[in-house]
PDB file of N, CA and C in Angstrom:
ATOM      1  N   UNK A   1      -9.182   9.364  17.217  1.00  0.00           N
ATOM      2  CA  UNK A   1      -8.137   8.367  17.309  1.00  0.00           C
ATOM      3  C   UNK A   1      -7.287   8.819  16.111  1.00  0.00           C
ATOM      4  N   UNK A   2      -5.581   8.901  16.214  1.00  0.00           N
ATOM      5  CA  UNK A   2      -4.524   8.620  15.248  1.00  0.00           C
ATOM      6  C   UNK A   2      -4.973   7.946  14.253  1.00  0.00           C
ATOM      7  N   UNK A   3      -4.637   8.256  13.022  1.00  0.00           N
ATOM      8  CA  UNK A   3      -4.323   7.234  12.170  1.00  0.00           C
ATOM      9  C   UNK A   3      -3.856   6.321  12.277  1.00  0.00           C
ATOM     10  N   UNK A   4      -2.511   6.091  12.802  1.00  0.00           N
ATOM     11  CA  UNK A   4      -2.236   4.927  13.201  1.00  0.00           C
ATOM     12  C   UNK A   4      -2.581   4.256  14.106  1.00  0.00           C
ATOM     13  N   UNK A   5      -3.005   4.527  15.264  1.00  0.00           N
ATOM     14  CA  UNK A   5      -3.814   3.576  15.739  1.00  0.00           C
ATOM     15  C   UNK A   5      -5.270   3.282  15.193  1.00  0.00           C
ATOM     16  N   UNK A   6      -5.768   4.177  14.559  1.00  0.00           N
ATOM     17  CA  UNK A   6      -6.557   3.164  13.484  1.00  0.00           C
ATOM     18  C   UNK A   6      -6.273   1.584  12.279  1.00  0.00           C
ATOM     19  N   UNK A   7      -5.327   2.635  12.190  1.00  0.00           N
ATOM     20  CA  UNK A   7      -4.676   1.118  10.681  1.00  0.00           C
ATOM     21  C   UNK A   7      -4.192  -0.161  12.013  1.00  0.00           C
ATOM     22  N   UNK A   8      -3.245   0.501  12.787  1.00  0.00           N
ATOM     23  CA  UNK A   8      -3.020  -0.791  14.174  1.00  0.00           C
ATOM     24  C   UNK A   8      -4.162  -1.599  14.285  1.00  0.00           C
ATOM     25  N   UNK A   9      -5.547  -1.072  14.796  1.00  0.00           N
ATOM     26  CA  UNK A   9      -6.554  -1.565  14.942  1.00  0.00           C
ATOM     27  C   UNK A   9      -7.074  -2.337  14.220  1.00  0.00           C
ATOM     28  N   UNK A  10      -6.837  -2.243  12.438  1.00  0.00           N
ATOM     29  CA  UNK A  10      -7.331  -3.152  11.993  1.00  0.00           C
ATOM     30  C   UNK A  10      -6.516  -3.623  11.525  1.00  0.00           C
ATOM     31  N   UNK A  11      -5.672  -3.929  10.944  1.00  0.00           N
ATOM     32  CA  UNK A  11      -4.100  -4.595  11.391  1.00  0.00           C
ATOM     33  C   UNK A  11      -4.353  -5.894  12.093  1.00  0.00           C
ATOM     34  N   UNK A  12      -4.973  -5.435  13.612  1.00  0.00           N
ATOM     35  CA  UNK A  12      -4.773  -6.533  14.736  1.00  0.00           C
ATOM     36  C   UNK A  12      -5.807  -7.440  14.126  1.00  0.00           C
ATOM     37  N   UNK A  13      -6.969  -6.438  13.891  1.00  0.00           N
ATOM     38  CA  UNK A  13      -8.536  -7.184  13.356  1.00  0.00           C
ATOM     39  C   UNK A  13      -8.643  -8.442  12.794  1.00  0.00           C
ATOM     40  N   UNK A  14      -7.844  -8.160  11.609  1.00  0.00           N
ATOM     41  CA  UNK A  14      -7.379  -8.757  10.017  1.00  0.00           C
ATOM     42  C   UNK A  14      -6.466  -9.818  10.621  1.00  0.00           C
ATOM     43  N   UNK A  15      -5.697 -10.344  11.330  1.00  0.00           N
ATOM     44  CA  UNK A  15      -4.707 -10.722  11.459  1.00  0.00           C
ATOM     45  C   UNK A  15      -3.172 -10.687  11.601  1.00  0.00           C
ATOM     46  N   UNK A  16      -2.491  -9.993  12.317  1.00  0.00           N
ATOM     47  CA  UNK A  16      -1.324  -8.891  12.056  1.00  0.00           C
ATOM     48  C   UNK A  16      -0.311  -9.712  10.985  1.00  0.00           C
ATOM     49  N   UNK A  17      -0.057 -11.408  11.343  1.00  0.00           N
ATOM     50  CA  UNK A  17       1.313 -11.553  10.941  1.00  0.00           C
ATOM     51  C   UNK A  17       1.088 -12.477   9.069  1.00  0.00           C
ATOM     52  N   UNK A  18      -0.348 -12.011   9.117  1.00  0.00           N
ATOM     53  CA  UNK A  18      -0.545 -11.776   7.539  1.00  0.00           C
ATOM     54  C   UNK A  18      -0.445 -10.542   6.146  1.00  0.00           C
ATOM     55  N   UNK A  19      -0.542  -9.381   7.295  1.00  0.00           N
ATOM     56  CA  UNK A  19      -0.150  -8.410   6.444  1.00  0.00           C
ATOM     57  C   UNK A  19       0.692  -7.876   6.343  1.00  0.00           C
ATOM     58  N   UNK A  20       0.868  -7.490   5.014  1.00  0.00           N
ATOM     59  CA  UNK A  20       2.800  -7.234   4.713  1.00  0.00           C
ATOM     60  C   UNK A  20       2.617  -5.536   4.810  1.00  0.00           C
ATOM     61  N   UNK A  21       1.465  -4.959   4.413  1.00  0.00           N
ATOM     62  CA  UNK A  21       1.394  -3.236   4.191  1.00  0.00           C
ATOM     63  C   UNK A  21       0.326  -2.939   4.446  1.00  0.00           C
ATOM     64  N   UNK A  22       0.161  -1.870   5.527  1.00  0.00           N
ATOM     65  CA  UNK A  22      -1.487  -1.453   5.739  1.00  0.00           C
ATOM     66  C   UNK A  22      -0.874   0.029   5.933  1.00  0.00           C
ATOM     67  N   UNK A  23      -1.976   1.297   5.337  1.00  0.00           N
ATOM     68  CA  UNK A  23      -1.737   2.725   5.909  1.00  0.00           C
ATOM     69  C   UNK A  23      -3.172   3.173   5.696  1.00  0.00           C
ATOM     70  N   UNK A  24      -3.323   4.481   5.374  1.00  0.00           N
ATOM     71  CA  UNK A  24      -4.951   5.267   5.581  1.00  0.00           C
ATOM     72  C   UNK A  24      -4.524   6.435   5.017  1.00  0.00           C
ATOM     73  N   UNK A  25      -5.800   6.723   4.374  1.00  0.00           N
ATOM     74  CA  UNK A  25      -5.623   7.965   3.903  1.00  0.00           C
ATOM     75  C   UNK A  25      -7.452   8.498   3.811  1.00  0.00           C
ATOM     76  N   UNK A  26      -7.509   9.281   5.133  1.00  0.00           N
ATOM     77  CA  UNK A  26      -8.960   9.574   5.438  1.00  0.00           C
ATOM     78  C   UNK A  26      -9.396   8.700   5.740  1.00  0.00           C
ATOM     79  N   UNK A  27     -10.880   8.327   5.005  1.00  0.00           N
ATOM     80  CA  UNK A  27     -11.553   7.167   5.304  1.00  0.00           C
ATOM     81  C   UNK A  27     -11.575   6.015   5.105  1.00  0.00           C
ATOM     82  N   UNK A  28     -10.446   5.730   4.007  1.00  0.00           N
ATOM     83  CA  UNK A  28      -9.624   4.159   3.721  1.00  0.00           C
ATOM     84  C   UNK A  28      -8.478   3.810   3.588  1.00  0.00           C
ATOM     85  N   UNK A  29      -8.655   2.746   3.626  1.00  0.00           N
ATOM     86  CA  UNK A  29      -7.423   2.178   4.284  1.00  0.00           C
ATOM     87  C   UNK A  29      -6.904   0.892   3.253  1.00  0.00           C
ATOM     88  N   UNK A  30      -5.645   0.909   3.410  1.00  0.00           N
ATOM     89  CA  UNK A  30      -4.853   0.228   2.332  1.00  0.00           C
ATOM     90  C   UNK A  30      -4.635  -1.076   3.336  1.00  0.00           C
ATOM     91  N   UNK A  31      -4.938  -2.269   2.608  1.00  0.00           N
ATOM     92  CA  UNK A  31      -4.293  -3.837   3.021  1.00  0.00           C
ATOM     93  C   UNK A  31      -3.611  -4.195   2.439  1.00  0.00           C
ATOM     94  N   UNK A  32      -2.182  -4.298   2.387  1.00  0.00           N
ATOM     95  CA  UNK A  32      -1.575  -5.523   1.477  1.00  0.00           C
ATOM     96  C   UNK A  32      -1.447  -6.771   2.167  1.00  0.00           C
ATOM     97  N   UNK A  33      -2.185  -7.555   1.850  1.00  0.00           N
ATOM     98  CA  UNK A  33      -2.485  -9.157   3.406  1.00  0.00           C
ATOM     99  C   UNK A  33      -2.016 -10.195   2.050  1.00  0.00           C
ATOM    100  N   UNK A  34      -2.039 -11.833   2.583  1.00  0.00           N
ATOM    101  CA  UNK A  34      -2.090 -12.718   2.302  1.00  0.00           C
ATOM    102  C   UNK A  34      -3.354 -13.023   2.189  1.00  0.00           C
ATOM    103  N   UNK A  35      -4.440 -13.765   1.395  1.00  0.00           N
ATOM    104  CA  UNK A  35      -5.847 -13.541   2.243  1.00  0.00           C
ATOM    105  C   UNK A  35      -6.530 -12.373   2.258  1.00  0.00           C
ATOM    106  N   UNK A  36      -8.148 -12.915   1.277  1.00  0.00           N
ATOM    107  CA  UNK A  36      -8.803 -11.678   1.818  1.00  0.00           C
ATOM    108  C   UNK A  36      -9.214 -11.157   2.951  1.00  0.00           C
ATOM    109  N   UNK A  37      -9.670  -9.483   2.673  1.00  0.00           N
ATOM    110  CA  UNK A  37     -10.355  -9.471   3.519  1.00  0.00           C
ATOM    111  C   UNK A  37     -11.599  -8.701   3.682  1.00  0.00           C
ATOM    112  N   UNK A  38     -12.135  -7.913   4.630  1.00  0.00           N
ATOM    113  CA  UNK A  38     -13.384  -7.611   4.588  1.00  0.00           C
ATOM    114  C   UNK A  38     -13.607  -6.512   3.751  1.00  0.00           C
ATOM    115  N   UNK A  39     -14.492  -5.569   2.727  1.00  0.00           N
ATOM    116  CA  UNK A  39     -14.400  -4.508   2.349  1.00  0.00           C
ATOM    117  C   UNK A  39     -14.423  -3.031   3.470  1.00  0.00           C
ATOM    118  N   UNK A  40     -14.598  -3.393   4.404  1.00  0.00           N
ATOM    119  CA  UNK A  40     -15.283  -2.276   5.570  1.00  0.00           C
ATOM    120  C   UNK A  40     -14.637  -2.845   6.840  1.00  0.00           C
ATOM    121  N   UNK A  41     -14.137  -1.415   7.648  1.00  0.00           N
ATOM    122  CA  UNK A  41     -13.980  -1.794   8.703  1.00  0.00           C
ATOM    123  C   UNK A  41     -14.544  -0.521   9.867  1.00  0.00           C
ATOM    124  N   UNK A  42     -15.105  -1.198  11.309  1.00  0.00           N
ATOM    125  CA  UNK A  42     -15.190  -0.126  12.227  1.00  0.00           C
ATOM    126  C   UNK A  42     -14.236   0.132  13.291  1.00  0.00           C
ATOM    127  N   UNK A  43     -13.756   1.311  13.558  1.00  0.00           N
ATOM    128  CA  UNK A  43     -12.859   1.599  14.454  1.00  0.00           C
ATOM    129  C   UNK A  43     -13.919   2.813  15.541  1.00  0.00           C
ATOM    130  N   UNK A  44     -14.132   2.850  16.386  1.00  0.00           N
ATOM    131  CA  UNK A  44     -15.024   3.640  17.829  1.00  0.00           C
ATOM    132  C   UNK A  44     -15.965   4.183  16.691  1.00  0.00           C
ATOM    133  N   UNK A  45     -16.637   3.496  15.978  1.00  0.00           N
ATOM    134  CA  UNK A  45     -18.014   3.853  16.062  1.00  0.00           C
ATOM    135  C   UNK A  45     -17.869   4.498  14.391  1.00  0.00           C
ATOM    136  N   UNK A  46     -16.666   4.434  13.792  1.00  0.00           N
ATOM    137  CA  UNK A  46     -16.154   5.441  12.325  1.00  0.00           C
ATOM    138  C   UNK A  46     -16.033   3.773  11.550  1.00  0.00           C
ATOM    139  N   UNK A  47     -16.571   4.164  10.262  1.00  0.00           N
ATOM    140  CA  UNK A  47     -16.684   3.563   9.342  1.00  0.00           C
ATOM    141  C   UNK A  47     -15.608   3.379   8.728  1.00  0.00           C
ATOM    142  N   UNK A  48     -14.288   2.576   7.583  1.00  0.00           N
ATOM    143  CA  UNK A  48     -13.542   2.767   7.428  1.00  0.00           C
ATOM    144  C   UNK A  48     -13.957   1.852   5.887  1.00  0.00           C
ATOM    145  N   UNK A  49     -13.242   1.968   4.677  1.00  0.00           N
ATOM    146  CA  UNK A  49     -13.242   1.546   3.783  1.00  0.00           C
ATOM    147  C   UNK A  49     -12.313   1.117   3.386  1.00  0.00           C
ATOM    148  N   UNK A  50     -12.203  -0.415   3.035  1.00  0.00           N
ATOM    149  CA  UNK A  50     -10.676  -1.300   3.426  1.00  0.00           C
ATOM    150  C   UNK A  50     -10.125  -2.066   1.964  1.00  0.00           C
ATOM    151  N   UNK A  51      -9.278  -0.638   1.571  1.00  0.00           N
ATOM    152  CA  UNK A  51      -8.560  -0.726  -0.257  1.00  0.00           C
ATOM    153  C   UNK A  51      -7.660  -2.692   0.165  1.00  0.00           C
ATOM    154  N   UNK A  52      -7.980  -3.588  -0.134  1.00  0.00           N
ATOM    155  CA  UNK A  52      -7.115  -5.025  -0.100  1.00  0.00           C
ATOM    156  C   UNK A  52      -6.380  -5.165  -1.460  1.00  0.00           C
ATOM    157  N   UNK A  53      -5.596  -5.543  -1.214  1.00  0.00           N
ATOM    158  CA  UNK A  53      -4.652  -6.257  -2.341  1.00  0.00           C
ATOM    159  C   UNK A  53      -3.100  -7.603  -1.938  1.00  0.00           C
ATOM    160  N   UNK A  54      -3.717  -8.096  -3.040  1.00  0.00           N
ATOM    161  CA  UNK A  54      -3.049  -9.622  -2.640  1.00  0.00           C
ATOM    162  C   UNK A  54      -1.281  -9.125  -2.621  1.00  0.00           C
ATOM    163  N   UNK A  55      -0.708  -9.263  -2.126  1.00  0.00           N
ATOM    164  CA  UNK A  55       1.135  -8.649  -2.173  1.00  0.00           C
ATOM    165  C   UNK A  55       1.599  -8.921  -3.169  1.00  0.00           C
ATOM    166  N   UNK A  56       1.695  -9.797  -4.610  1.00  0.00           N
ATOM    167  CA  UNK A  56       2.249 -10.250  -5.135  1.00  0.00           C
ATOM    168  C   UNK A  56       1.348  -8.957  -6.353  1.00  0.00           C
ATOM    169  N   UNK A  57      -0.049  -9.455  -6.404  1.00  0.00           N
ATOM    170  CA  UNK A  57      -0.999  -8.078  -7.382  1.00  0.00           C
ATOM    171  C   UNK A  57      -0.020  -6.506  -6.723  1.00  0.00           C
ATOM    172  N   UNK A  58      -0.336  -6.686  -5.621  1.00  0.00           N
ATOM    173  CA  UNK A  58       0.009  -4.970  -5.295  1.00  0.00           C
ATOM    174  C   UNK A  58       1.170  -4.761  -5.791  1.00  0.00           C
ATOM    175  N   UNK A  59       2.177  -5.252  -6.040  1.00  0.00           N
ATOM    176  CA  UNK A  59       3.683  -4.914  -7.042  1.00  0.00           C
ATOM    177  C   UNK A  59       3.345  -4.804  -8.378  1.00  0.00           C
ATOM    178  N   UNK A  60       2.748  -5.211  -8.864  1.00  0.00           N
ATOM    179  CA  UNK A  60       2.268  -5.324 -10.196  1.00  0.00           C
ATOM    180  C   UNK A  60       1.107  -4.132 -10.461  1.00  0.00           C
ATOM    181  N   UNK A  61       0.617  -3.689  -9.500  1.00  0.00           N
ATOM    182  CA  UNK A  61       0.008  -2.829  -9.634  1.00  0.00           C
ATOM    183  C   UNK A  61       0.173  -1.462  -9.618  1.00  0.00           C
ATOM    184  N   UNK A  62       1.775  -1.198  -8.694  1.00  0.00           N
ATOM    185  CA  UNK A  62       2.120   0.063  -8.615  1.00  0.00           C
ATOM    186  C   UNK A  62       2.722   0.329  -9.486  1.00  0.00           C
ATOM    187  N   UNK A  63       3.243  -0.666 -10.584  1.00  0.00           N
ATOM    188  CA  UNK A  63       3.731  -0.356 -11.085  1.00  0.00           C
ATOM    189  C   UNK A  63       3.094   0.464 -12.630  1.00  0.00           C
ATOM    190  N   UNK A  64       1.806   0.360 -12.479  1.00  0.00           N
ATOM    191  CA  UNK A  64       0.704   0.534 -13.534  1.00  0.00           C
ATOM    192  C   UNK A  64       0.565   2.132 -12.890  1.00  0.00           C
ATOM    193  N   UNK A  65      -0.047   2.199 -11.668  1.00  0.00           N
ATOM    194  CA  UNK A  65      -0.406   3.200 -11.193  1.00  0.00           C
ATOM    195  C   UNK A  65       0.326   3.746 -10.046  1.00  0.00           C
ATOM    196  N   UNK A  66       1.229   4.588  -9.175  1.00  0.00           N
ATOM    197  CA  UNK A  66       1.957   4.522  -8.416  1.00  0.00           C
ATOM    198  C   UNK A  66       1.275   5.302  -7.193  1.00  0.00           C
ATOM    199  N   UNK A  67      -0.054   6.003  -7.615  1.00  0.00           N
ATOM    200  CA  UNK A  67      -0.575   6.468  -6.687  1.00  0.00           C
ATOM    201  C   UNK A  67      -0.974   5.541  -5.650  1.00  0.00           C
ATOM    202  N   UNK A  68      -1.647   4.019  -6.238  1.00  0.00           N
ATOM    203  CA  UNK A  68      -1.914   3.355  -4.831  1.00  0.00           C
ATOM    204  C   UNK A  68      -1.122   3.442  -4.073  1.00  0.00           C
ATOM    205  N   UNK A  69       0.078   3.663  -4.053  1.00  0.00           N
ATOM    206  CA  UNK A  69       1.023   3.513  -2.861  1.00  0.00           C
ATOM    207  C   UNK A  69       1.429   5.019  -1.894  1.00  0.00           C
ATOM    208  N   UNK A  70       1.582   5.584  -2.849  1.00  0.00           N
ATOM    209  CA  UNK A  70       1.950   7.063  -2.644  1.00  0.00           C
ATOM    210  C   UNK A  70       0.707   8.031  -2.185  1.00  0.00           C
ATOM    211  N   UNK A  71      -0.327   7.698  -2.392  1.00  0.00           N
ATOM    212  CA  UNK A  71      -1.408   8.716  -1.601  1.00  0.00           C
ATOM    213  C   UNK A  71      -1.958   8.265   0.017  1.00  0.00           C
ATOM    214  N   UNK A  72      -1.246   7.035   0.169  1.00  0.00           N
ATOM    215  CA  UNK A  72      -1.577   6.208   1.615  1.00  0.00           C
ATOM    216  C   UNK A  72      -0.657   7.347   2.466  1.00  0.00           C
ATOM    217  N   UNK A  73      -0.475   7.057   3.909  1.00  0.00           N
ATOM    218  CA  UNK A  73       0.094   7.509   5.197  1.00  0.00           C
ATOM    219  C   UNK A  73       0.357   6.189   5.365  1.00  0.00           C
ATOM    220  N   UNK A  74       1.315   5.253   4.930  1.00  0.00           N
ATOM    221  CA  UNK A  74       1.680   4.219   5.422  1.00  0.00           C
ATOM    222  C   UNK A  74       2.530   4.102   6.797  1.00  0.00           C
ATOM    223  N   UNK A  75       1.397   3.217   7.537  1.00  0.00           N
ATOM    224  CA  UNK A  75       1.770   3.230   8.976  1.00  0.00           C
ATOM    225  C   UNK A  75       2.525   1.579   9.994  1.00  0.00           C
ATOM    226  N   UNK A  76       2.146   0.730   8.824  1.00  0.00           N
ATOM    227  CA  UNK A  76       2.818  -0.935   9.076  1.00  0.00           C
ATOM    228  C   UNK A  76       3.319  -0.880   7.994  1.00  0.00           C
ATOM    229  N   UNK A  77       4.027  -2.181   8.440  1.00  0.00           N
ATOM    230  CA  UNK A  77       4.797  -2.519   7.352  1.00  0.00           C
ATOM    231  C   UNK A  77       5.761  -3.968   7.310  1.00  0.00           C
ATOM    232  N   UNK A  78       5.996  -4.812   6.870  1.00  0.00           N
ATOM    233  CA  UNK A  78       7.181  -5.875   6.859  1.00  0.00           C
ATOM    234  C   UNK A  78       8.140  -4.984   6.238  1.00  0.00           C
ATOM    235  N   UNK A  79       9.277  -4.731   6.922  1.00  0.00           N
ATOM    236  CA  UNK A  79      10.599  -4.541   6.590  1.00  0.00           C
ATOM    237  C   UNK A  79      10.655  -5.157   4.923  1.00  0.00           C
ATOM    238  N   UNK A  80      10.921  -6.364   5.030  1.00  0.00           N
ATOM    239  CA  UNK A  80      11.536  -6.803   3.806  1.00  0.00           C
ATOM    240  C   UNK A  80      10.236  -6.295   2.224  1.00  0.00           C
ATOM    241  N   UNK A  81       9.105  -6.367   2.972  1.00  0.00           N
ATOM    242  CA  UNK A  81       8.096  -6.628   1.838  1.00  0.00           C
ATOM    243  C   UNK A  81       8.583  -4.630   1.188  1.00  0.00           C
ATOM    244  N   UNK A  82       8.278  -3.849   2.328  1.00  0.00           N
ATOM    245  CA  UNK A  82       8.667  -2.529   1.943  1.00  0.00           C
ATOM    246  C   UNK A  82       9.717  -2.158   0.939  1.00  0.00           C
ATOM    247  N   UNK A  83      10.733  -2.957   1.393  1.00  0.00           N
ATOM    248  CA  UNK A  83      12.143  -3.138   0.518  1.00  0.00           C
ATOM    249  C   UNK A  83      11.711  -3.006  -1.382  1.00  0.00           C
ATOM    250  N   UNK A  84      10.747  -4.522  -1.386  1.00  0.00           N
ATOM    251  CA  UNK A  84      10.249  -4.919  -2.506  1.00  0.00           C
ATOM    252  C   UNK A  84      10.006  -3.633  -3.599  1.00  0.00           C
ATOM    253  N   UNK A  85       8.636  -3.220  -2.783  1.00  0.00           N
ATOM    254  CA  UNK A  85       7.971  -1.759  -2.639  1.00  0.00           C
ATOM    255  C   UNK A  85       8.650  -0.675  -3.771  1.00  0.00           C
ATOM    256  N   UNK A  86       9.644  -0.394  -2.503  1.00  0.00           N
ATOM    257  CA  UNK A  86      11.051   0.750  -3.174  1.00  0.00           C
ATOM    258  C   UNK A  86      11.499   0.485  -4.029  1.00  0.00           C
ATOM    259  N   UNK A  87      11.631  -0.910  -4.227  1.00  0.00           N
ATOM    260  CA  UNK A  87      12.682  -1.411  -5.416  1.00  0.00           C
ATOM    261  C   UNK A  87      11.813  -1.468  -6.843  1.00  0.00           C
ATOM    262  N   UNK A  88      10.539  -1.945  -6.339  1.00  0.00           N
ATOM    263  CA  UNK A  88       9.659  -1.661  -7.645  1.00  0.00           C
ATOM    264  C   UNK A  88       9.368  -0.294  -7.863  1.00  0.00           C
ATOM    265  N   UNK A  89       9.455   0.697  -7.234  1.00  0.00           N
ATOM    266  CA  UNK A  89       8.828   2.331  -7.497  1.00  0.00           C
ATOM    267  C   UNK A  89      10.375   3.163  -8.184  1.00  0.00           C
ATOM    268  N   UNK A  90      11.199   2.103  -7.682  1.00  0.00           N
ATOM    269  CA  UNK A  90      13.033   2.909  -7.978  1.00  0.00           C
ATOM    270  C   UNK A  90      13.189   2.344  -9.445  1.00  0.00           C
ATOM    271  N   UNK A  91      12.537   1.339  -9.530  1.00  0.00           N
ATOM    272  CA  UNK A  91      13.003   0.797 -11.180  1.00  0.00           C
ATOM    273  C   UNK A  91      11.976   1.486 -12.486  1.00  0.00           C
ATOM    274  N   UNK A  92      10.786   1.274 -11.615  1.00  0.00           N
ATOM    275  CA  UNK A  92      10.280   2.448 -12.751  1.00  0.00           C
ATOM    276  C   UNK A  92      10.274   3.653 -12.976  1.00  0.00           C
ATOM    277  N   UNK A  93      10.817   4.499 -11.896  1.00  0.00           N
ATOM    278  CA  UNK A  93      11.667   6.162 -12.132  1.00  0.00           C
ATOM    279  C   UNK A  93      12.508   5.727 -13.040  1.00  0.00           C
ATOM    280  N   UNK A  94      13.376   5.015 -12.912  1.00  0.00           N
ATOM    281  CA  UNK A  94      14.202   5.400 -13.668  1.00  0.00           C
ATOM    282  C   UNK A  94      14.308   4.582 -15.257  1.00  0.00           C
ATOM    283  N   UNK A  95      13.497   3.791 -15.667  1.00  0.00           N
ATOM    284  CA  UNK A  95      13.027   3.194 -16.141  1.00  0.00           C
ATOM    285  C   UNK A  95      12.427   4.551 -17.362  1.00  0.00           C
ATOM    286  N   UNK A  96      11.300   5.064 -16.525  1.00  0.00           N
ATOM    287  CA  UNK A  96      10.717   6.798 -17.360  1.00  0.00           C
ATOM    288  C   UNK A  96      11.947   7.352 -17.772  1.00  0.00           C
ATOM    289  N   UNK A  97      12.814   7.679 -16.714  1.00  0.00           N
ATOM    290  CA  UNK A  97      13.792   8.875 -16.836  1.00  0.00           C
ATOM    291  C   UNK A  97      14.583   7.893 -18.362  1.00  0.00           C
ATOM    292  N   UNK A  98      15.073   7.188 -18.304  1.00  0.00           N
ATOM    293  CA  UNK A  98      15.898   6.251 -19.658  1.00  0.00           C
ATOM    294  C   UNK A  98      14.943   6.555 -21.014  1.00  0.00           C
ATOM    295  N   UNK A  99      13.457   6.351 -20.882  1.00  0.00           N
ATOM    296  CA  UNK A  99      12.874   6.859 -21.766  1.00  0.00           C
ATOM    297  C   UNK A  99      12.907   8.005 -22.322  1.00  0.00           C
ATOM    298  N   UNK A 100      12.594   9.449 -21.290  1.00  0.00           N
ATOM    299  CA  UNK A 100      12.781  10.764 -21.560  1.00  0.00           C
ATOM    300  C   UNK A 100      14.444  11.071 -22.271  1.00  0.00           C
ATOM    301  N   UNK A 101      15.332  10.321 -21.708  1.00  0.00           N
ATOM    302  CA  UNK A 101      16.433  10.990 -22.423  1.00  0.00           C
ATOM    303  C   UNK A 101      16.672  10.441 -23.708  1.00  0.00           C
ATOM    304  N   UNK A 102      16.261   8.557 -24.237  1.00  0.00           N
ATOM    305  CA  UNK A 102      15.686   8.306 -25.433  1.00  0.00           C
ATOM    306  C   UNK A 102      15.197   9.463 -26.153  1.00  0.00           C
ATOM    307  N   UNK A 103      14.318  10.404 -25.511  1.00  0.00           N
ATOM    308  CA  UNK A 103      13.236  11.189 -26.799  1.00  0.00           C
ATOM    309  C   UNK A 103      14.054  12.328 -27.019  1.00  0.00           C
ATOM    310  N   UNK A 104      14.741  12.416 -25.588  1.00  0.00           N
ATOM    311  CA  UNK A 104      16.396  13.943 -25.900  1.00  0.00           C
ATOM    312  C   UNK A 104      16.995  13.920 -27.004  1.00  0.00           C
ATOM    313  N   UNK A 105      17.453  12.339 -26.903  1.00  0.00           N
ATOM    314  CA  UNK A 105      18.049  12.548 -28.005  1.00  0.00           C
ATOM    315  C   UNK A 105      17.831  11.959 -29.411  1.00  0.00           C
ATOM    316  N   UNK A 106      17.075  11.692 -29.848  1.00  0.00           N
ATOM    317  CA  UNK A 106      15.795  11.322 -30.930  1.00  0.00           C
ATOM    318  C   UNK A 106      15.719  12.989 -31.439  1.00  0.00           C
TER     319      UNK A 106
END
């Protein structure tokens, strides 16, 4: 099974309407959804670890560590929520660039 099919199967299993973002990295699935979900998922006999985040907590978390987003191949998302994620990442990058410029000026 391809990555996209695996993620979509898990998204359907946990309740598609509550999922804001879902991705995969090897045997780990990223699940950003309202309400907790299981820590593991089994698709066609293969077990995957599910890393769950609440949507608001996830936005705060990616400010601290972008790899929580960047290391996953995102295959399912709600458009408005992905825009929020990208806005957060862009503003963090602008802030870092500004700090770098301030260091150069000093």
